[in-house]
Amino acid sequence: MKCKNLEEVRENIDKIDSEIIKLIAERGDYVLQASSFKKDEEGAKAPKRVEEVISKVREKSEMYGANPDIVEAVYREMISKFINIEIKEFYK
């Protein structure tokens, strides 16, 4: 979609941000569910799984025309924060 002005660009970015936030919240719900199936902190860290996810999102980013380095950085940070949440679940 070609925007006519900066206001229209910002409105579209805001809409996309809302969708991204909803999807992050949904992903977070699944992360919490996953933590109930894991036995310990190492299960939460799951470095092999992290690298599998990173590989997949890099591939998908190229499919959709996104910068793979940006997508990887965002995912690494998000995964790190979710791992911290999972670990906290073990100490409740």
PDB file of N, CA and C in Angstrom:
ATOM      1  N   MET A   1       0.844  -1.192   0.000  1.00  0.00           N
ATOM      2  CA  MET A   1       0.000   0.000   0.000  1.00  0.00           C
ATOM      3  C   MET A   1       0.886   1.251   0.000  1.00  0.00           C
ATOM      4  N   LYS A   2       0.639   2.121  -0.912  1.00  0.00           N
ATOM      5  CA  LYS A   2       1.381   3.374  -1.012  1.00  0.00           C
ATOM      6  C   LYS A   2       0.632   4.441  -0.225  1.00  0.00           C
ATOM      7  N   CYS A   3       1.293   5.038   0.740  1.00  0.00           N
ATOM      8  CA  CYS A   3       0.669   6.065   1.578  1.00  0.00           C
ATOM      9  C   CYS A   3       0.812   7.442   0.937  1.00  0.00           C
ATOM     10  N   LYS A   4      -0.159   8.300   1.261  1.00  0.00           N
ATOM     11  CA  LYS A   4      -0.177   9.645   0.681  1.00  0.00           C
ATOM     12  C   LYS A   4       0.591  10.660   1.520  1.00  0.00           C
ATOM     13  N   ASN A   5       0.760  10.345   2.818  1.00  0.00           N
ATOM     14  CA  ASN A   5       1.437  11.295   3.701  1.00  0.00           C
ATOM     15  C   ASN A   5       1.972  10.563   4.945  1.00  0.00           C
ATOM     16  N   LEU A   6       2.708  11.294   5.752  1.00  0.00           N
ATOM     17  CA  LEU A   6       3.332  10.721   6.948  1.00  0.00           C
ATOM     18  C   LEU A   6       2.281  10.225   7.948  1.00  0.00           C
ATOM     19  N   GLU A   7       1.201  10.950   8.059  1.00  0.00           N
ATOM     20  CA  GLU A   7       0.124  10.545   8.979  1.00  0.00           C
ATOM     21  C   GLU A   7      -0.419   9.163   8.607  1.00  0.00           C
ATOM     22  N   GLU A   8      -0.625   8.931   7.348  1.00  0.00           N
ATOM     23  CA  GLU A   8      -1.117   7.640   6.874  1.00  0.00           C
ATOM     24  C   GLU A   8      -0.084   6.536   7.143  1.00  0.00           C
ATOM     25  N   VAL A   9       1.173   6.856   6.947  1.00  0.00           N
ATOM     26  CA  VAL A   9       2.245   5.894   7.252  1.00  0.00           C
ATOM     27  C   VAL A   9       2.176   5.512   8.727  1.00  0.00           C
ATOM     28  N   ARG A  10       2.078   6.510   9.583  1.00  0.00           N
ATOM     29  CA  ARG A  10       2.049   6.268  11.031  1.00  0.00           C
ATOM     30  C   ARG A  10       0.808   5.485  11.452  1.00  0.00           C
ATOM     31  N   GLU A  11      -0.319   5.778  10.860  1.00  0.00           N
ATOM     32  CA  GLU A  11      -1.544   5.033  11.172  1.00  0.00           C
ATOM     33  C   GLU A  11      -1.367   3.551  10.828  1.00  0.00           C
ATOM     34  N   ASN A  12      -0.763   3.278   9.687  1.00  0.00           N
ATOM     35  CA  ASN A  12      -0.537   1.887   9.291  1.00  0.00           C
ATOM     36  C   ASN A  12       0.472   1.196  10.198  1.00  0.00           C
ATOM     37  N   ILE A  13       1.507   1.916  10.584  1.00  0.00           N
ATOM     38  CA  ILE A  13       2.484   1.349  11.527  1.00  0.00           C
ATOM     39  C   ILE A  13       1.801   1.031  12.850  1.00  0.00           C
ATOM     40  N   ASP A  14       0.942   1.936  13.335  1.00  0.00           N
ATOM     41  CA  ASP A  14       0.228   1.702  14.593  1.00  0.00           C
ATOM     42  C   ASP A  14      -0.664   0.459  14.513  1.00  0.00           C
ATOM     43  N   LYS A  15      -1.330   0.280  13.382  1.00  0.00           N
ATOM     44  CA  LYS A  15      -2.171  -0.917  13.199  1.00  0.00           C
ATOM     45  C   LYS A  15      -1.321  -2.187  13.245  1.00  0.00           C
ATOM     46  N   ILE A  16      -0.202  -2.139  12.553  1.00  0.00           N
ATOM     47  CA  ILE A  16       0.697  -3.298  12.539  1.00  0.00           C
ATOM     48  C   ILE A  16       1.236  -3.568  13.941  1.00  0.00           C
ATOM     49  N   ASP A  17       1.612  -2.511  14.661  1.00  0.00           N
ATOM     50  CA  ASP A  17       2.109  -2.685  16.029  1.00  0.00           C
ATOM     51  C   ASP A  17       1.072  -3.367  16.912  1.00  0.00           C
ATOM     52  N   SER A  18      -0.183  -2.991  16.754  1.00  0.00           N
ATOM     53  CA  SER A  18      -1.250  -3.633  17.546  1.00  0.00           C
ATOM     54  C   SER A  18      -1.324  -5.133  17.258  1.00  0.00           C
ATOM     55  N   GLU A  19      -1.221  -5.481  15.991  1.00  0.00           N
ATOM     56  CA  GLU A  19      -1.257  -6.908  15.614  1.00  0.00           C
ATOM     57  C   GLU A  19      -0.033  -7.647  16.157  1.00  0.00           C
ATOM     58  N   ILE A  20       1.135  -7.029  16.052  1.00  0.00           N
ATOM     59  CA  ILE A  20       2.358  -7.657  16.570  1.00  0.00           C
ATOM     60  C   ILE A  20       2.228  -7.901  18.068  1.00  0.00           C
ATOM     61  N   ILE A  21       1.724  -6.917  18.798  1.00  0.00           N
ATOM     62  CA  ILE A  21       1.581  -7.053  20.250  1.00  0.00           C
ATOM     63  C   ILE A  21       0.602  -8.169  20.597  1.00  0.00           C
ATOM     64  N   LYS A  22      -0.511  -8.244  19.863  1.00  0.00           N
ATOM     65  CA  LYS A  22      -1.462  -9.340  20.102  1.00  0.00           C
ATOM     66  C   LYS A  22      -0.789 -10.690  19.879  1.00  0.00           C
ATOM     67  N   LEU A  23      -0.001 -10.800  18.832  1.00  0.00           N
ATOM     68  CA  LEU A  23       0.669 -12.065  18.523  1.00  0.00           C
ATOM     69  C   LEU A  23       1.754 -12.399  19.550  1.00  0.00           C
ATOM     70  N   ILE A  24       2.448 -11.388  20.050  1.00  0.00           N
ATOM     71  CA  ILE A  24       3.437 -11.638  21.110  1.00  0.00           C
ATOM     72  C   ILE A  24       2.735 -12.143  22.363  1.00  0.00           C
ATOM     73  N   ALA A  25       1.598 -11.564  22.686  1.00  0.00           N
ATOM     74  CA  ALA A  25       0.835 -12.024  23.851  1.00  0.00           C
ATOM     75  C   ALA A  25       0.391 -13.473  23.666  1.00  0.00           C
ATOM     76  N   GLU A  26      -0.074 -13.799  22.476  1.00  0.00           N
ATOM     77  CA  GLU A  26      -0.491 -15.174  22.187  1.00  0.00           C
ATOM     78  C   GLU A  26       0.698 -16.120  22.292  1.00  0.00           C
ATOM     79  N   ARG A  27       1.831 -15.706  21.741  1.00  0.00           N
ATOM     80  CA  ARG A  27       3.037 -16.533  21.821  1.00  0.00           C
ATOM     81  C   ARG A  27       3.426 -16.750  23.291  1.00  0.00           C
ATOM     82  N   GLY A  28       3.306 -15.695  24.080  1.00  0.00           N
ATOM     83  CA  GLY A  28       3.619 -15.787  25.499  1.00  0.00           C
ATOM     84  C   GLY A  28       2.746 -16.796  26.224  1.00  0.00           C
ATOM     85  N   ASP A  29       1.489 -16.859  25.864  1.00  0.00           N
ATOM     86  CA  ASP A  29       0.596 -17.863  26.462  1.00  0.00           C
ATOM     87  C   ASP A  29       1.097 -19.275  26.165  1.00  0.00           C
ATOM     88  N   TYR A  30       1.538 -19.497  24.932  1.00  0.00           N
ATOM     89  CA  TYR A  30       2.057 -20.823  24.571  1.00  0.00           C
ATOM     90  C   TYR A  30       3.383 -21.118  25.274  1.00  0.00           C
ATOM     91  N   VAL A  31       4.200 -20.101  25.448  1.00  0.00           N
ATOM     92  CA  VAL A  31       5.460 -20.289  26.180  1.00  0.00           C
ATOM     93  C   VAL A  31       5.170 -20.763  27.606  1.00  0.00           C
ATOM     94  N   LEU A  32       4.201 -20.134  28.250  1.00  0.00           N
ATOM     95  CA  LEU A  32       3.853 -20.557  29.611  1.00  0.00           C
ATOM     96  C   LEU A  32       3.321 -21.985  29.633  1.00  0.00           C
ATOM     97  N   GLN A  33       2.544 -22.341  28.630  1.00  0.00           N
ATOM     98  CA  GLN A  33       2.080 -23.726  28.546  1.00  0.00           C
ATOM     99  C   GLN A  33       3.258 -24.672  28.368  1.00  0.00           C
ATOM    100  N   ALA A  34       4.196 -24.294  27.513  1.00  0.00           N
ATOM    101  CA  ALA A  34       5.368 -25.145  27.262  1.00  0.00           C
ATOM    102  C   ALA A  34       6.165 -25.350  28.543  1.00  0.00           C
ATOM    103  N   SER A  35       6.252 -24.323  29.370  1.00  0.00           N
ATOM    104  CA  SER A  35       7.054 -24.444  30.593  1.00  0.00           C
ATOM    105  C   SER A  35       6.496 -25.525  31.518  1.00  0.00           C
ATOM    106  N   SER A  36       5.195 -25.791  31.438  1.00  0.00           N
ATOM    107  CA  SER A  36       4.617 -26.829  32.294  1.00  0.00           C
ATOM    108  C   SER A  36       5.044 -28.233  31.865  1.00  0.00           C
ATOM    109  N   PHE A  37       5.561 -28.369  30.648  1.00  0.00           N
ATOM    110  CA  PHE A  37       6.025 -29.665  30.151  1.00  0.00           C
ATOM    111  C   PHE A  37       7.529 -29.861  30.339  1.00  0.00           C
ATOM    112  N   LYS A  38       8.201 -28.802  30.738  1.00  0.00           N
ATOM    113  CA  LYS A  38       9.654 -28.874  30.905  1.00  0.00           C
ATOM    114  C   LYS A  38       9.991 -29.162  32.362  1.00  0.00           C
ATOM    115  N   LYS A  39      11.091 -29.858  32.563  1.00  0.00           N
ATOM    116  CA  LYS A  39      11.427 -30.327  33.903  1.00  0.00           C
ATOM    117  C   LYS A  39      12.341 -29.386  34.679  1.00  0.00           C
ATOM    118  N   ASP A  40      13.127 -28.586  33.966  1.00  0.00           N
ATOM    119  CA  ASP A  40      14.109 -27.761  34.661  1.00  0.00           C
ATOM    120  C   ASP A  40      14.525 -26.563  33.823  1.00  0.00           C
ATOM    121  N   GLU A  41      15.458 -25.796  34.394  1.00  0.00           N
ATOM    122  CA  GLU A  41      15.954 -24.596  33.733  1.00  0.00           C
ATOM    123  C   GLU A  41      16.588 -24.896  32.374  1.00  0.00           C
ATOM    124  N   GLU A  42      17.318 -25.990  32.296  1.00  0.00           N
ATOM    125  CA  GLU A  42      17.959 -26.359  31.028  1.00  0.00           C
ATOM    126  C   GLU A  42      16.914 -26.627  29.945  1.00  0.00           C
ATOM    127  N   GLY A  43      15.803 -27.222  30.334  1.00  0.00           N
ATOM    128  CA  GLY A  43      14.715 -27.444  29.385  1.00  0.00           C
ATOM    129  C   GLY A  43      14.146 -26.135  28.878  1.00  0.00           C
ATOM    130  N   ALA A  44      14.122 -25.125  29.742  1.00  0.00           N
ATOM    131  CA  ALA A  44      13.624 -23.811  29.340  1.00  0.00           C
ATOM    132  C   ALA A  44      14.604 -23.129  28.390  1.00  0.00           C
ATOM    133  N   LYS A  45      15.882 -23.295  28.643  1.00  0.00           N
ATOM    134  CA  LYS A  45      16.892 -22.637  27.801  1.00  0.00           C
ATOM    135  C   LYS A  45      16.955 -23.261  26.409  1.00  0.00           C
ATOM    136  N   ALA A  46      16.886 -24.561  26.311  1.00  0.00           N
ATOM    137  CA  ALA A  46      16.813 -25.317  25.055  1.00  0.00           C
ATOM    138  C   ALA A  46      17.571 -24.666  23.888  1.00  0.00           C
ATOM    139  N   PRO A  47      18.900 -24.567  23.996  1.00  0.00           N
ATOM    140  CA  PRO A  47      19.662 -23.866  22.948  1.00  0.00           C
ATOM    141  C   PRO A  47      19.475 -24.438  21.540  1.00  0.00           C
ATOM    142  N   LYS A  48      19.309 -25.732  21.437  1.00  0.00           N
ATOM    143  CA  LYS A  48      19.092 -26.330  20.108  1.00  0.00           C
ATOM    144  C   LYS A  48      17.779 -25.824  19.504  1.00  0.00           C
ATOM    145  N   ARG A  49      16.727 -25.793  20.327  1.00  0.00           N
ATOM    146  CA  ARG A  49      15.424 -25.305  19.862  1.00  0.00           C
ATOM    147  C   ARG A  49      15.510 -23.829  19.487  1.00  0.00           C
ATOM    148  N   VAL A  50      16.234 -23.053  20.279  1.00  0.00           N
ATOM    149  CA  VAL A  50      16.387 -21.624  19.970  1.00  0.00           C
ATOM    150  C   VAL A  50      16.990 -21.456  18.577  1.00  0.00           C
ATOM    151  N   GLU A  51      18.036 -22.218  18.291  1.00  0.00           N
ATOM    152  CA  GLU A  51      18.694 -22.090  16.986  1.00  0.00           C
ATOM    153  C   GLU A  51      17.794 -22.578  15.850  1.00  0.00           C
ATOM    154  N   GLU A  52      16.949 -23.574  16.120  1.00  0.00           N
ATOM    155  CA  GLU A  52      15.979 -24.017  15.114  1.00  0.00           C
ATOM    156  C   GLU A  52      14.995 -22.892  14.792  1.00  0.00           C
ATOM    157  N   VAL A  53      14.509 -22.228  15.838  1.00  0.00           N
ATOM    158  CA  VAL A  53      13.564 -21.121  15.647  1.00  0.00           C
ATOM    159  C   VAL A  53      14.237 -19.992  14.870  1.00  0.00           C
ATOM    160  N   ILE A  54      15.462 -19.661  15.243  1.00  0.00           N
ATOM    161  CA  ILE A  54      16.178 -18.584  14.560  1.00  0.00           C
ATOM    162  C   ILE A  54      16.355 -18.919  13.082  1.00  0.00           C
ATOM    163  N   SER A  55      16.719 -20.136  12.797  1.00  0.00           N
ATOM    164  CA  SER A  55      16.895 -20.560  11.408  1.00  0.00           C
ATOM    165  C   SER A  55      15.591 -20.397  10.626  1.00  0.00           C
ATOM    166  N   LYS A  56      14.477 -20.834  11.238  1.00  0.00           N
ATOM    167  CA  LYS A  56      13.175 -20.728  10.570  1.00  0.00           C
ATOM    168  C   LYS A  56      12.775 -19.279  10.319  1.00  0.00           C
ATOM    169  N   VAL A  57      12.971 -18.422  11.331  1.00  0.00           N
ATOM    170  CA  VAL A  57      12.526 -17.040  11.150  1.00  0.00           C
ATOM    171  C   VAL A  57      13.409 -16.297  10.157  1.00  0.00           C
ATOM    172  N   ARG A  58      14.673 -16.662  10.076  1.00  0.00           N
ATOM    173  CA  ARG A  58      15.533 -16.045   9.060  1.00  0.00           C
ATOM    174  C   ARG A  58      15.046 -16.429   7.662  1.00  0.00           C
ATOM    175  N   GLU A  59      14.710 -17.703   7.484  1.00  0.00           N
ATOM    176  CA  GLU A  59      14.183 -18.151   6.185  1.00  0.00           C
ATOM    177  C   GLU A  59      12.890 -17.411   5.847  1.00  0.00           C
ATOM    178  N   LYS A  60      11.989 -17.351   6.819  1.00  0.00           N
ATOM    179  CA  LYS A  60      10.701 -16.683   6.576  1.00  0.00           C
ATOM    180  C   LYS A  60      10.881 -15.202   6.312  1.00  0.00           C
ATOM    181  N   SER A  61      11.847 -14.585   6.983  1.00  0.00           N
ATOM    182  CA  SER A  61      12.058 -13.159   6.764  1.00  0.00           C
ATOM    183  C   SER A  61      12.455 -12.900   5.313  1.00  0.00           C
ATOM    184  N   GLU A  62      13.271 -13.781   4.767  1.00  0.00           N
ATOM    185  CA  GLU A  62      13.666 -13.632   3.368  1.00  0.00           C
ATOM    186  C   GLU A  62      12.468 -13.843   2.438  1.00  0.00           C
ATOM    187  N   MET A  63      11.606 -14.800   2.792  1.00  0.00           N
ATOM    188  CA  MET A  63      10.394 -15.043   1.996  1.00  0.00           C
ATOM    189  C   MET A  63       9.509 -13.801   1.939  1.00  0.00           C
ATOM    190  N   TYR A  64       9.406 -13.098   3.081  1.00  0.00           N
ATOM    191  CA  TYR A  64       8.509 -11.950   3.172  1.00  0.00           C
ATOM    192  C   TYR A  64       9.188 -10.623   2.853  1.00  0.00           C
ATOM    193  N   GLY A  65      10.480 -10.659   2.551  1.00  0.00           N
ATOM    194  CA  GLY A  65      11.178  -9.428   2.208  1.00  0.00           C
ATOM    195  C   GLY A  65      11.618  -8.606   3.402  1.00  0.00           C
ATOM    196  N   ALA A  66      11.732  -9.247   4.563  1.00  0.00           N
ATOM    197  CA  ALA A  66      12.204  -8.556   5.760  1.00  0.00           C
ATOM    198  C   ALA A  66      13.713  -8.743   5.887  1.00  0.00           C
ATOM    199  N   ASN A  67      14.342  -7.858   6.605  1.00  0.00           N
ATOM    200  CA  ASN A  67      15.775  -7.962   6.838  1.00  0.00           C
ATOM    201  C   ASN A  67      16.026  -9.093   7.840  1.00  0.00           C
ATOM    202  N   PRO A  68      16.704 -10.176   7.429  1.00  0.00           N
ATOM    203  CA  PRO A  68      16.915 -11.328   8.316  1.00  0.00           C
ATOM    204  C   PRO A  68      17.695 -10.994   9.589  1.00  0.00           C
ATOM    205  N   ASP A  69      18.610 -10.034   9.508  1.00  0.00           N
ATOM    206  CA  ASP A  69      19.390  -9.660  10.688  1.00  0.00           C
ATOM    207  C   ASP A  69      18.512  -8.963  11.737  1.00  0.00           C
ATOM    208  N   ILE A  70      17.607  -8.122  11.269  1.00  0.00           N
ATOM    209  CA  ILE A  70      16.688  -7.457  12.197  1.00  0.00           C
ATOM    210  C   ILE A  70      15.743  -8.480  12.814  1.00  0.00           C
ATOM    211  N   VAL A  71      15.197  -9.349  11.986  1.00  0.00           N
ATOM    212  CA  VAL A  71      14.274 -10.372  12.486  1.00  0.00           C
ATOM    213  C   VAL A  71      14.983 -11.262  13.507  1.00  0.00           C
ATOM    214  N   GLU A  72      16.195 -11.677  13.199  1.00  0.00           N
ATOM    215  CA  GLU A  72      16.937 -12.520  14.141  1.00  0.00           C
ATOM    216  C   GLU A  72      17.168 -11.788  15.460  1.00  0.00           C
ATOM    217  N   ALA A  73      17.571 -10.535  15.403  1.00  0.00           N
ATOM    218  CA  ALA A  73      17.820  -9.768  16.630  1.00  0.00           C
ATOM    219  C   ALA A  73      16.558  -9.644  17.481  1.00  0.00           C
ATOM    220  N   VAL A  74      15.439  -9.358  16.823  1.00  0.00           N
ATOM    221  CA  VAL A  74      14.164  -9.234  17.541  1.00  0.00           C
ATOM    222  C   VAL A  74      13.801 -10.569  18.195  1.00  0.00           C
ATOM    223  N   TYR A  75      13.930 -11.650  17.445  1.00  0.00           N
ATOM    224  CA  TYR A  75      13.581 -12.964  17.972  1.00  0.00           C
ATOM    225  C   TYR A  75      14.514 -13.396  19.095  1.00  0.00           C
ATOM    226  N   ARG A  76      15.798 -13.150  18.955  1.00  0.00           N
ATOM    227  CA  ARG A  76      16.726 -13.526  20.029  1.00  0.00           C
ATOM    228  C   ARG A  76      16.369 -12.804  21.325  1.00  0.00           C
ATOM    229  N   GLU A  77      16.051 -11.533  21.221  1.00  0.00           N
ATOM    230  CA  GLU A  77      15.674 -10.772  22.415  1.00  0.00           C
ATOM    231  C   GLU A  77      14.358 -11.286  22.994  1.00  0.00           C
ATOM    232  N   MET A  78      13.371 -11.510  22.129  1.00  0.00           N
ATOM    233  CA  MET A  78      12.071 -11.998  22.594  1.00  0.00           C
ATOM    234  C   MET A  78      12.218 -13.373  23.250  1.00  0.00           C
ATOM    235  N   ILE A  79      12.952 -14.260  22.609  1.00  0.00           N
ATOM    236  CA  ILE A  79      13.152 -15.604  23.153  1.00  0.00           C
ATOM    237  C   ILE A  79      13.851 -15.525  24.501  1.00  0.00           C
ATOM    238  N   SER A  80      14.857 -14.669  24.607  1.00  0.00           N
ATOM    239  CA  SER A  80      15.578 -14.505  25.869  1.00  0.00           C
ATOM    240  C   SER A  80      14.633 -14.091  26.999  1.00  0.00           C
ATOM    241  N   LYS A  81      13.762 -13.149  26.707  1.00  0.00           N
ATOM    242  CA  LYS A  81      12.805 -12.683  27.727  1.00  0.00           C
ATOM    243  C   LYS A  81      11.808 -13.786  28.080  1.00  0.00           C
ATOM    244  N   PHE A  82      11.350 -14.534  27.095  1.00  0.00           N
ATOM    245  CA  PHE A  82      10.426 -15.630  27.378  1.00  0.00           C
ATOM    246  C   PHE A  82      11.113 -16.737  28.181  1.00  0.00           C
ATOM    247  N   ILE A  83      12.377 -17.007  27.894  1.00  0.00           N
ATOM    248  CA  ILE A  83      13.113 -18.011  28.680  1.00  0.00           C
ATOM    249  C   ILE A  83      13.178 -17.574  30.134  1.00  0.00           C
ATOM    250  N   ASN A  84      13.436 -16.299  30.370  1.00  0.00           N
ATOM    251  CA  ASN A  84      13.472 -15.791  31.746  1.00  0.00           C
ATOM    252  C   ASN A  84      12.129 -15.992  32.446  1.00  0.00           C
ATOM    253  N   ILE A  85      11.049 -15.785  31.726  1.00  0.00           N
ATOM    254  CA  ILE A  85       9.713 -15.998  32.299  1.00  0.00           C
ATOM    255  C   ILE A  85       9.521 -17.479  32.627  1.00  0.00           C
ATOM    256  N   GLU A  86       9.930 -18.359  31.705  1.00  0.00           N
ATOM    257  CA  GLU A  86       9.814 -19.798  31.955  1.00  0.00           C
ATOM    258  C   GLU A  86      10.602 -20.204  33.190  1.00  0.00           C
ATOM    259  N   ILE A  87      11.811 -19.701  33.315  1.00  0.00           N
ATOM    260  CA  ILE A  87      12.663 -20.051  34.454  1.00  0.00           C
ATOM    261  C   ILE A  87      12.009 -19.603  35.758  1.00  0.00           C
ATOM    262  N   LYS A  88      11.421 -18.423  35.758  1.00  0.00           N
ATOM    263  CA  LYS A  88      10.720 -17.938  36.963  1.00  0.00           C
ATOM    264  C   LYS A  88       9.580 -18.878  37.341  1.00  0.00           C
ATOM    265  N   GLU A  89       8.954 -19.493  36.350  1.00  0.00           N
ATOM    266  CA  GLU A  89       7.864 -20.437  36.615  1.00  0.00           C
ATOM    267  C   GLU A  89       8.351 -21.633  37.442  1.00  0.00           C
ATOM    268  N   PHE A  90       9.603 -22.021  37.249  1.00  0.00           N
ATOM    269  CA  PHE A  90      10.140 -23.161  37.983  1.00  0.00           C
ATOM    270  C   PHE A  90      10.326 -22.854  39.467  1.00  0.00           C
ATOM    271  N   TYR A  91      10.418 -21.570  39.812  1.00  0.00           N
ATOM    272  CA  TYR A  91      10.702 -21.192  41.198  1.00  0.00           C
ATOM    273  C   TYR A  91       9.489 -20.626  41.910  1.00  0.00           C
ATOM    274  N   LYS A  92       8.339 -20.836  41.332  1.00  0.00           N
ATOM    275  CA  LYS A  92       7.088 -20.389  41.985  1.00  0.00           C
ATOM    276  C   LYS A  92       6.692 -21.360  43.067  1.00  0.00           C
TER     277      LYS A  92
END
